[in-house]
C-alpha atoms as a PDB file:
ATOM      1  CA  MET A   1      26.015  -7.733  11.856  1.00  0.00           C
ATOM      2  CA  LEU A   2      26.426  -4.044  12.672  1.00  0.00           C
ATOM      3  CA  ILE A   3      25.148  -2.959   9.257  1.00  0.00           C
ATOM      4  CA  PRO A   4      21.814  -4.877   9.342  1.00  0.00           C
ATOM      5  CA  ALA A   5      21.152  -3.849  12.951  1.00  0.00           C
ATOM      6  CA  ALA A   6      21.808  -0.175  12.133  1.00  0.00           C
ATOM      7  CA  ASP A   7      19.855  -0.390   8.871  1.00  0.00           C
ATOM      8  CA  ALA A   8      16.934  -2.187  10.527  1.00  0.00           C
ATOM      9  CA  PRO A   9      15.773   0.761  12.699  1.00  0.00           C
ATOM     10  CA  PRO A  10      15.967   3.559  10.056  1.00  0.00           C
ATOM     11  CA  PRO A  11      14.415   1.597   7.123  1.00  0.00           C
ATOM     12  CA  SER A  12      11.881   0.022   9.496  1.00  0.00           C
ATOM     13  CA  ALA A  13      10.267   3.395  10.215  1.00  0.00           C
ATOM     14  CA  PRO A  14      10.048   4.649   6.580  1.00  0.00           C
ATOM     15  CA  THR A  15       9.239   1.183   5.229  1.00  0.00           C
ATOM     16  CA  GLY A  16       6.385   0.636   7.685  1.00  0.00           C
ATOM     17  CA  LYS A  17       4.856   4.046   6.981  1.00  0.00           C
ATOM     18  CA  ALA A  18       5.433   3.807   3.235  1.00  0.00           C
ATOM     19  CA  GLU A  19       3.887   0.332   3.054  1.00  0.00           C
ATOM     20  CA  ALA A  20       0.929   1.195   5.271  1.00  0.00           C
ATOM     21  CA  PRO A  21      -0.566   3.889   2.953  1.00  0.00           C
ATOM     22  CA  PRO A  22      -0.159   1.928  -0.319  1.00  0.00           C
ATOM     23  CA  PRO A  23      -2.049  -1.186   0.916  1.00  0.00           C
ATOM     24  CA  ARG A  24      -4.908   0.934   2.261  1.00  0.00           C
ATOM     25  CA  SER A  25      -5.012   3.148  -0.833  1.00  0.00           C
ATOM     26  CA  SER A  26      -4.849   0.141  -3.158  1.00  0.00           C
ATOM     27  CA  PRO A  27      -8.179  -1.413  -2.075  1.00  0.00           C
ATOM     28  CA  ARG A  28      -9.896   1.987  -2.023  1.00  0.00           C
ATOM     29  CA  SER A  29      -8.482   3.036  -5.402  1.00  0.00           C
ATOM     30  CA  ALA A  30      -9.458  -0.291  -6.967  1.00  0.00           C
ATOM     31  CA  THR A  31     -12.988  -0.034  -5.565  1.00  0.00           C
ATOM     32  CA  GLU A  32     -13.440   3.607  -6.560  1.00  0.00           C
ATOM     33  CA  PRO A  33     -12.510   3.230 -10.253  1.00  0.00           C
ATOM     34  CA  SER A  34     -14.754   0.162 -10.554  1.00  0.00           C
ATOM     35  CA  PRO A  35     -18.034   1.918  -9.588  1.00  0.00           C
ATOM     36  CA  THR A  36     -16.850   5.219 -11.055  1.00  0.00           C
ATOM     37  CA  GLY A  37     -16.071   3.677 -14.449  1.00  0.00           C
END
């Protein structure tokens, strides 16, 4: 129980920031190549 609790805070920060950019870049990247191609 101590491992998950301690791992939740650290990974939560990097995971949230790392997942935020990809999802936003995905839709934009997919829409850009479409019209560009």
